[in-house]
Every structure is written in C-alpha cells, then in structure tokens.
Amino acid sequence: MIISNHLKLSNGERVFMIANEFNELYEQLIVNRLTKEGYYYKGKSLFLTRGDTVAALLRRTYRGEQAASFVYCCRHQFLRDQKNLSTKNIYLTDAVDYPFRFSIRNFNEEDLFTVGYESINYLRSHSEIPYDEICYGDSAIENKQGISDELTKIADKIIYFGPKIMNLLSPAKSLSMLQRNSKGAWIEQIWIEDYKSKLS
C-alpha cells in the first residue's frame, strides 16, 4: 500500500519525509514494540524463535528509493537455506528461505483457516512474495500520521496473529502442506527431506 500525503508550505515548497524520519518511526512503532514481545532486531529485520520455529518480519529497501517493503515469514531452524544448504544461520533475511510468507498488514481471523504453503516460481521469487510496501518519499514530514498508522497496524497484526500462525505450523503440518502444494522446485524437495529427517 502506498501512503502519499503531500503538504504545501506557505512559500510554495514541499518538505518530504526522508529515510531518517521514516527509520525513526519504524524503530518507535515496530522495533520497540516487537522487541518487548521477545523479537530480536538484526539489520532492519526482526526475529522470534519458539522451539524450532522462527518467525521474522523482513524489511526490504532499495538504494535510491524512498520506500520500504515488509513480509512476515515462518520457517523451522532445521531447514537448510537455499544459498549454502546450511542450518547454521537461524536469522535469515531472504524471504526465499522461508516456506511460509504472509501479507501481515491485511491478515485477519479468517486467514488463520487458510494458513498453508503457497508455491512460488523460485526463479523469479521476489516478484511473487507478498510484500507490504510503504512509500514514504511522497509524504510530508508535517503530515506523517498515515505512515504512523500503517506501521502501527503492522505491529498490531504481528503481536496478535504472529503466535497463532506459529502455533499452526508444526513440523508435521508443515510437511503435509509442502507435500500437498509443492511444484517440485529443488528447494521444496530439500525442505521435504529436512522435515522427513526431523520427524523420523
């Protein structure tokens, strides 16, 4: 979702939000709240571990763009990553390494009944991952309530729905979801092997 709140000053100029102002709001409204819930802050992303389950709010930015994208993800620590086929790094920052990815900003109670694995084309994966986008470069710093509301909404949804999603994704259920919806991608086969090994 793009938030755009132009404000024209008396001299005809516009003063827009820059990265520093957005980052301050991000730390205040998301980072500070989620770290109080047990999340670990690394880079620009946040991670929570419960048993073997890892949940993450991954933040993606691009140089030169006044925008940030977020996706909420879940995986299990014993799954190998797609770059090194390793389990050493728990806090992975690439959404491709997470079988379960959610647009958390729009998540609601009904979505809990449809939590599952959705296969993507891993050759062009980032275009298919359900990122929530906030474009802050068009927002005047004097009128930043829209940005604040969106960040608050993301934090609220994670605090409320995050534990529920994690509880639904047991290793056995996750394996079943993968086997049912896999399209045969190599990383899907790796994950299926990892789940079977864990459950054997």
C-alpha atoms as a PDB file:
ATOM      1  CA  MET A   1       0.000   0.000   0.000  1.00  0.00           C
ATOM      2  CA  ILE A   2       1.347   3.427  -0.937  1.00  0.00           C
ATOM      3  CA  ILE A   3       0.784   6.249   1.520  1.00  0.00           C
ATOM      4  CA  SER A   4       1.079   9.719  -0.019  1.00  0.00           C
ATOM      5  CA  ASN A   5       0.295  12.869   1.972  1.00  0.00           C
ATOM      6  CA  HIS A   6       1.552  15.999   0.210  1.00  0.00           C
ATOM      7  CA  LEU A   7       1.725  19.221   2.210  1.00  0.00           C
ATOM      8  CA  LYS A   8       2.392  22.562   0.536  1.00  0.00           C
ATOM      9  CA  LEU A   9       4.205  25.123   2.651  1.00  0.00           C
ATOM     10  CA  SER A  10       3.500  28.857   2.593  1.00  0.00           C
ATOM     11  CA  ASN A  11       6.499  29.548   0.344  1.00  0.00           C
ATOM     12  CA  GLY A  12       5.278  27.026  -2.210  1.00  0.00           C
ATOM     13  CA  GLU A  13       7.917  24.407  -1.406  1.00  0.00           C
ATOM     14  CA  ARG A  14       7.268  20.877  -0.237  1.00  0.00           C
ATOM     15  CA  VAL A  15       9.148  19.148   2.532  1.00  0.00           C
ATOM     16  CA  PHE A  16       9.021  15.371   2.209  1.00  0.00           C
ATOM     17  CA  MET A  17       9.877  12.599   4.607  1.00  0.00           C
ATOM     18  CA  ILE A  18      13.371  11.200   4.192  1.00  0.00           C
ATOM     19  CA  ALA A  19      14.830   7.870   5.268  1.00  0.00           C
ATOM     20  CA  ASN A  20      15.966   9.075   8.691  1.00  0.00           C
ATOM     21  CA  GLU A  21      12.467  10.248   9.650  1.00  0.00           C
ATOM     22  CA  PHE A  22      10.929   7.006   8.423  1.00  0.00           C
ATOM     23  CA  ASN A  23      13.504   4.919  10.270  1.00  0.00           C
ATOM     24  CA  GLU A  24      12.738   6.779  13.483  1.00  0.00           C
ATOM     25  CA  LEU A  25       9.056   5.935  13.106  1.00  0.00           C
ATOM     26  CA  TYR A  26       9.915   2.331  12.236  1.00  0.00           C
ATOM     27  CA  GLU A  27      12.047   1.920  15.351  1.00  0.00           C
ATOM     28  CA  GLN A  28       9.489   3.617  17.579  1.00  0.00           C
ATOM     29  CA  LEU A  29       6.346   1.910  16.279  1.00  0.00           C
ATOM     30  CA  ILE A  30       7.582  -1.518  15.217  1.00  0.00           C
ATOM     31  CA  VAL A  31      11.065  -2.306  16.549  1.00  0.00           C
ATOM     32  CA  ASN A  32      10.495  -1.093  20.102  1.00  0.00           C
ATOM     33  CA  ARG A  33       7.136  -2.852  20.379  1.00  0.00           C
ATOM     34  CA  LEU A  34       8.261  -6.170  18.910  1.00  0.00           C
ATOM     35  CA  THR A  35      11.485  -6.360  20.924  1.00  0.00           C
ATOM     36  CA  LYS A  36       9.305  -6.082  24.040  1.00  0.00           C
ATOM     37  CA  GLU A  37       7.489  -9.176  22.739  1.00  0.00           C
ATOM     38  CA  GLY A  38      10.761 -11.106  22.515  1.00  0.00           C
ATOM     39  CA  TYR A  39      11.810 -10.351  18.949  1.00  0.00           C
ATOM     40  CA  TYR A  40      15.494  -9.998  18.124  1.00  0.00           C
ATOM     41  CA  TYR A  41      16.457  -6.996  15.988  1.00  0.00           C
ATOM     42  CA  LYS A  42      19.103  -7.659  13.353  1.00  0.00           C
ATOM     43  CA  GLY A  43      19.817  -5.307  10.483  1.00  0.00           C
ATOM     44  CA  LYS A  44      16.408  -3.886   9.652  1.00  0.00           C
ATOM     45  CA  SER A  45      14.510  -7.114  10.342  1.00  0.00           C
ATOM     46  CA  LEU A  46      13.094  -8.762  13.470  1.00  0.00           C
ATOM     47  CA  PHE A  47      13.114 -12.426  14.505  1.00  0.00           C
ATOM     48  CA  LEU A  48      11.370 -14.539  17.109  1.00  0.00           C
ATOM     49  CA  THR A  49      12.235 -18.148  17.974  1.00  0.00           C
ATOM     50  CA  ARG A  50       9.938 -20.566  19.787  1.00  0.00           C
ATOM     51  CA  GLY A  51      11.303 -24.075  19.914  1.00  0.00           C
ATOM     52  CA  ASP A  52      12.288 -24.963  16.353  1.00  0.00           C
ATOM     53  CA  THR A  53      10.053 -22.296  14.821  1.00  0.00           C
ATOM     54  CA  VAL A  54      11.431 -18.969  13.618  1.00  0.00           C
ATOM     55  CA  ALA A  55       9.155 -16.055  12.731  1.00  0.00           C
ATOM     56  CA  ALA A  56      10.502 -12.952  11.037  1.00  0.00           C
ATOM     57  CA  LEU A  57       9.394  -9.554   9.896  1.00  0.00           C
ATOM     58  CA  LEU A  58      11.725  -8.987   6.971  1.00  0.00           C
ATOM     59  CA  ARG A  59      12.263  -5.468   5.751  1.00  0.00           C
ATOM     60  CA  ARG A  60      13.495  -4.810   2.231  1.00  0.00           C
ATOM     61  CA  THR A  61      14.763  -1.470   0.918  1.00  0.00           C
ATOM     62  CA  TYR A  62      16.369  -0.396  -2.322  1.00  0.00           C
ATOM     63  CA  ARG A  63      19.096   2.181  -2.694  1.00  0.00           C
ATOM     64  CA  GLY A  64      17.712   5.423  -4.065  1.00  0.00           C
ATOM     65  CA  GLU A  65      14.070   4.556  -3.391  1.00  0.00           C
ATOM     66  CA  GLN A  66      12.133   6.242  -0.588  1.00  0.00           C
ATOM     67  CA  ALA A  67      10.175   3.109   0.260  1.00  0.00           C
ATOM     68  CA  ALA A  68      10.252   0.041   2.471  1.00  0.00           C
ATOM     69  CA  SER A  69       8.689  -3.374   1.959  1.00  0.00           C
ATOM     70  CA  PHE A  70       7.752  -5.863   4.667  1.00  0.00           C
ATOM     71  CA  VAL A  71       6.790  -9.525   4.719  1.00  0.00           C
ATOM     72  CA  TYR A  72       6.038 -11.769   7.694  1.00  0.00           C
ATOM     73  CA  CYS A  73       7.589 -15.234   7.388  1.00  0.00           C
ATOM     74  CA  CYS A  74       7.911 -18.511   9.272  1.00  0.00           C
ATOM     75  CA  ARG A  75      10.316 -21.429   8.975  1.00  0.00           C
ATOM     76  CA  HIS A  76      11.899 -24.136  11.115  1.00  0.00           C
ATOM     77  CA  GLN A  77      15.503 -23.961  12.265  1.00  0.00           C
ATOM     78  CA  PHE A  78      16.367 -27.393  10.877  1.00  0.00           C
ATOM     79  CA  LEU A  79      15.542 -26.372   7.284  1.00  0.00           C
ATOM     80  CA  ARG A  80      18.526 -25.778   5.053  1.00  0.00           C
ATOM     81  CA  ASP A  81      18.841 -22.382   3.382  1.00  0.00           C
ATOM     82  CA  GLN A  82      18.785 -22.026  -0.394  1.00  0.00           C
ATOM     83  CA  LYS A  83      22.217 -20.416  -0.770  1.00  0.00           C
ATOM     84  CA  ASN A  84      24.536 -22.623   1.288  1.00  0.00           C
ATOM     85  CA  LEU A  85      22.271 -25.568   2.145  1.00  0.00           C
ATOM     86  CA  SER A  86      23.183 -24.867   5.750  1.00  0.00           C
ATOM     87  CA  THR A  87      21.291 -24.682   9.041  1.00  0.00           C
ATOM     88  CA  LYS A  88      23.922 -22.602  10.854  1.00  0.00           C
ATOM     89  CA  ASN A  89      22.248 -19.222  10.431  1.00  0.00           C
ATOM     90  CA  ILE A  90      18.938 -19.008  12.275  1.00  0.00           C
ATOM     91  CA  TYR A  91      18.194 -15.403  11.353  1.00  0.00           C
ATOM     92  CA  LEU A  92      17.884 -15.476   7.577  1.00  0.00           C
ATOM     93  CA  THR A  93      16.990 -12.227   5.841  1.00  0.00           C
ATOM     94  CA  ASP A  94      15.910 -13.566   2.433  1.00  0.00           C
ATOM     95  CA  ALA A  95      12.210 -14.401   2.262  1.00  0.00           C
ATOM     96  CA  VAL A  96      13.007 -17.203  -0.206  1.00  0.00           C
ATOM     97  CA  ASP A  97      14.419 -19.176   2.747  1.00  0.00           C
ATOM     98  CA  TYR A  98      11.030 -19.211   4.469  1.00  0.00           C
ATOM     99  CA  PRO A  99       8.387 -21.652   3.229  1.00  0.00           C
ATOM    100  CA  PHE A 100       5.571 -19.628   4.812  1.00  0.00           C
ATOM    101  CA  ARG A 101       5.128 -15.967   3.877  1.00  0.00           C
ATOM    102  CA  PHE A 102       2.269 -13.623   4.704  1.00  0.00           C
ATOM    103  CA  SER A 103       0.997 -10.154   3.923  1.00  0.00           C
ATOM    104  CA  ILE A 104       0.570  -9.403   7.594  1.00  0.00           C
ATOM    105  CA  ARG A 105      -0.893  -5.914   7.167  1.00  0.00           C
ATOM    106  CA  ASN A 106      -4.073  -7.391   5.686  1.00  0.00           C
ATOM    107  CA  PHE A 107      -4.136 -10.561   7.782  1.00  0.00           C
ATOM    108  CA  ASN A 108      -7.385 -11.270   9.646  1.00  0.00           C
ATOM    109  CA  GLU A 109      -9.062 -14.006  11.686  1.00  0.00           C
ATOM    110  CA  GLU A 110     -10.426 -15.792   8.602  1.00  0.00           C
ATOM    111  CA  ASP A 111      -6.898 -16.130   7.208  1.00  0.00           C
ATOM    112  CA  LEU A 112      -5.959 -18.419  10.101  1.00  0.00           C
ATOM    113  CA  PHE A 113      -8.109 -21.107   8.471  1.00  0.00           C
ATOM    114  CA  THR A 114      -6.125 -20.904   5.231  1.00  0.00           C
ATOM    115  CA  VAL A 115      -2.571 -20.746   6.596  1.00  0.00           C
ATOM    116  CA  GLY A 116      -0.530 -23.004   4.369  1.00  0.00           C
ATOM    117  CA  TYR A 117       2.276 -23.346   1.888  1.00  0.00           C
ATOM    118  CA  GLU A 118       1.968 -21.471  -1.389  1.00  0.00           C
ATOM    119  CA  SER A 119       4.494 -22.487  -4.011  1.00  0.00           C
ATOM    120  CA  ILE A 120       6.174 -19.734  -5.999  1.00  0.00           C
ATOM    121  CA  ASN A 121       8.399 -19.602  -9.052  1.00  0.00           C
ATOM    122  CA  TYR A 122      11.775 -19.609  -7.321  1.00  0.00           C
ATOM    123  CA  LEU A 123      13.477 -18.331 -10.493  1.00  0.00           C
ATOM    124  CA  ARG A 124      11.660 -15.009 -10.060  1.00  0.00           C
ATOM    125  CA  SER A 125      10.743 -15.393  -6.443  1.00  0.00           C
ATOM    126  CA  HIS A 126      10.804 -11.798  -5.218  1.00  0.00           C
ATOM    127  CA  SER A 127       8.074 -10.739  -7.623  1.00  0.00           C
ATOM    128  CA  GLU A 128       5.752 -13.363  -6.103  1.00  0.00           C
ATOM    129  CA  ILE A 129       6.419 -12.813  -2.398  1.00  0.00           C
ATOM    130  CA  PRO A 130       3.547 -10.901  -0.711  1.00  0.00           C
ATOM    131  CA  TYR A 131       5.390  -7.791   0.435  1.00  0.00           C
ATOM    132  CA  ASP A 132       3.542  -4.883   2.030  1.00  0.00           C
ATOM    133  CA  GLU A 133       5.032  -1.668   0.678  1.00  0.00           C
ATOM    134  CA  ILE A 134       5.093   1.786   2.237  1.00  0.00           C
ATOM    135  CA  CYS A 135       6.350   4.625   0.032  1.00  0.00           C
ATOM    136  CA  TYR A 136       7.290   7.440   2.370  1.00  0.00           C
ATOM    137  CA  GLY A 137       9.173   9.707  -0.044  1.00  0.00           C
ATOM    138  CA  ASP A 138       5.939  11.422  -1.118  1.00  0.00           C
ATOM    139  CA  SER A 139       4.789  12.040   2.450  1.00  0.00           C
ATOM    140  CA  ALA A 140       5.287  15.429   4.048  1.00  0.00           C
ATOM    141  CA  ILE A 141       7.072  15.245   7.370  1.00  0.00           C
ATOM    142  CA  GLU A 142       4.456  17.530   8.922  1.00  0.00           C
ATOM    143  CA  ASN A 143       1.703  15.125   7.927  1.00  0.00           C
ATOM    144  CA  LYS A 144       3.085  11.702   8.773  1.00  0.00           C
ATOM    145  CA  GLN A 145       0.063  10.225  10.522  1.00  0.00           C
ATOM    146  CA  GLY A 146      -0.718   7.953   7.582  1.00  0.00           C
ATOM    147  CA  ILE A 147       2.740   6.382   7.753  1.00  0.00           C
ATOM    148  CA  SER A 148       2.483   6.023  11.539  1.00  0.00           C
ATOM    149  CA  ASP A 149      -0.910   4.344  11.234  1.00  0.00           C
ATOM    150  CA  GLU A 150       0.398   1.796   8.731  1.00  0.00           C
ATOM    151  CA  LEU A 151       3.425   0.908  10.867  1.00  0.00           C
ATOM    152  CA  THR A 152       1.253   0.618  13.968  1.00  0.00           C
ATOM    153  CA  LYS A 153      -1.124  -1.655  12.079  1.00  0.00           C
ATOM    154  CA  ILE A 154       1.725  -3.964  11.047  1.00  0.00           C
ATOM    155  CA  ALA A 155       2.976  -4.203  14.650  1.00  0.00           C
ATOM    156  CA  ASP A 156      -0.542  -4.826  15.979  1.00  0.00           C
ATOM    157  CA  LYS A 157      -1.124  -7.640  13.497  1.00  0.00           C
ATOM    158  CA  ILE A 158       2.204  -9.321  14.285  1.00  0.00           C
ATOM    159  CA  ILE A 159       1.653  -9.169  18.047  1.00  0.00           C
ATOM    160  CA  TYR A 160      -1.853 -10.597  17.741  1.00  0.00           C
ATOM    161  CA  PHE A 161      -1.572 -13.062  14.862  1.00  0.00           C
ATOM    162  CA  GLY A 162       2.123 -13.989  14.965  1.00  0.00           C
ATOM    163  CA  PRO A 163       1.858 -16.515  17.835  1.00  0.00           C
ATOM    164  CA  LYS A 164      -1.292 -18.025  16.313  1.00  0.00           C
ATOM    165  CA  ILE A 165       0.426 -18.546  12.958  1.00  0.00           C
ATOM    166  CA  MET A 166       3.487 -20.081  14.606  1.00  0.00           C
ATOM    167  CA  ASN A 167       1.328 -22.497  16.587  1.00  0.00           C
ATOM    168  CA  LEU A 168      -0.393 -23.687  13.397  1.00  0.00           C
ATOM    169  CA  LEU A 169       2.894 -24.550  11.685  1.00  0.00           C
ATOM    170  CA  SER A 170       4.060 -27.683  13.460  1.00  0.00           C
ATOM    171  CA  PRO A 171       6.726 -29.679  11.580  1.00  0.00           C
ATOM    172  CA  ALA A 172       4.210 -32.426  10.755  1.00  0.00           C
ATOM    173  CA  LYS A 173       1.611 -29.996   9.408  1.00  0.00           C
ATOM    174  CA  SER A 174       4.278 -28.054   7.522  1.00  0.00           C
ATOM    175  CA  LEU A 175       5.495 -31.225   5.821  1.00  0.00           C
ATOM    176  CA  SER A 176       1.948 -32.097   4.828  1.00  0.00           C
ATOM    177  CA  MET A 177       1.404 -28.617   3.376  1.00  0.00           C
ATOM    178  CA  LEU A 178       4.635 -28.783   1.400  1.00  0.00           C
ATOM    179  CA  GLN A 179       3.905 -32.228   0.004  1.00  0.00           C
ATOM    180  CA  ARG A 180       0.386 -31.187  -0.976  1.00  0.00           C
ATOM    181  CA  ASN A 181       1.278 -27.893  -2.696  1.00  0.00           C
ATOM    182  CA  SER A 182       4.857 -28.347  -3.878  1.00  0.00           C
ATOM    183  CA  LYS A 183       5.516 -27.827  -7.587  1.00  0.00           C
ATOM    184  CA  GLY A 184       8.776 -29.758  -7.485  1.00  0.00           C
ATOM    185  CA  ALA A 185      11.213 -26.863  -7.037  1.00  0.00           C
ATOM    186  CA  TRP A 186      14.614 -28.034  -5.825  1.00  0.00           C
ATOM    187  CA  ILE A 187      14.402 -26.081  -2.554  1.00  0.00           C
ATOM    188  CA  GLU A 188      10.966 -27.588  -1.888  1.00  0.00           C
ATOM    189  CA  GLN A 189      12.481 -31.056  -2.214  1.00  0.00           C
ATOM    190  CA  ILE A 190      15.290 -30.065   0.167  1.00  0.00           C
ATOM    191  CA  TRP A 191      12.753 -28.869   2.744  1.00  0.00           C
ATOM    192  CA  ILE A 192      10.669 -32.028   2.395  1.00  0.00           C
ATOM    193  CA  GLU A 193      13.808 -34.081   3.046  1.00  0.00           C
ATOM    194  CA  ASP A 194      14.585 -31.953   6.104  1.00  0.00           C
ATOM    195  CA  TYR A 195      11.088 -32.353   7.541  1.00  0.00           C
ATOM    196  CA  LYS A 196      11.104 -36.111   6.969  1.00  0.00           C
ATOM    197  CA  SER A 197      14.518 -36.390   8.632  1.00  0.00           C
ATOM    198  CA  LYS A 198      13.303 -34.374  11.636  1.00  0.00           C
ATOM    199  CA  LEU A 199      10.138 -36.415  12.011  1.00  0.00           C
ATOM    200  CA  SER A 200      11.705 -39.849  11.509  1.00  0.00           C
END
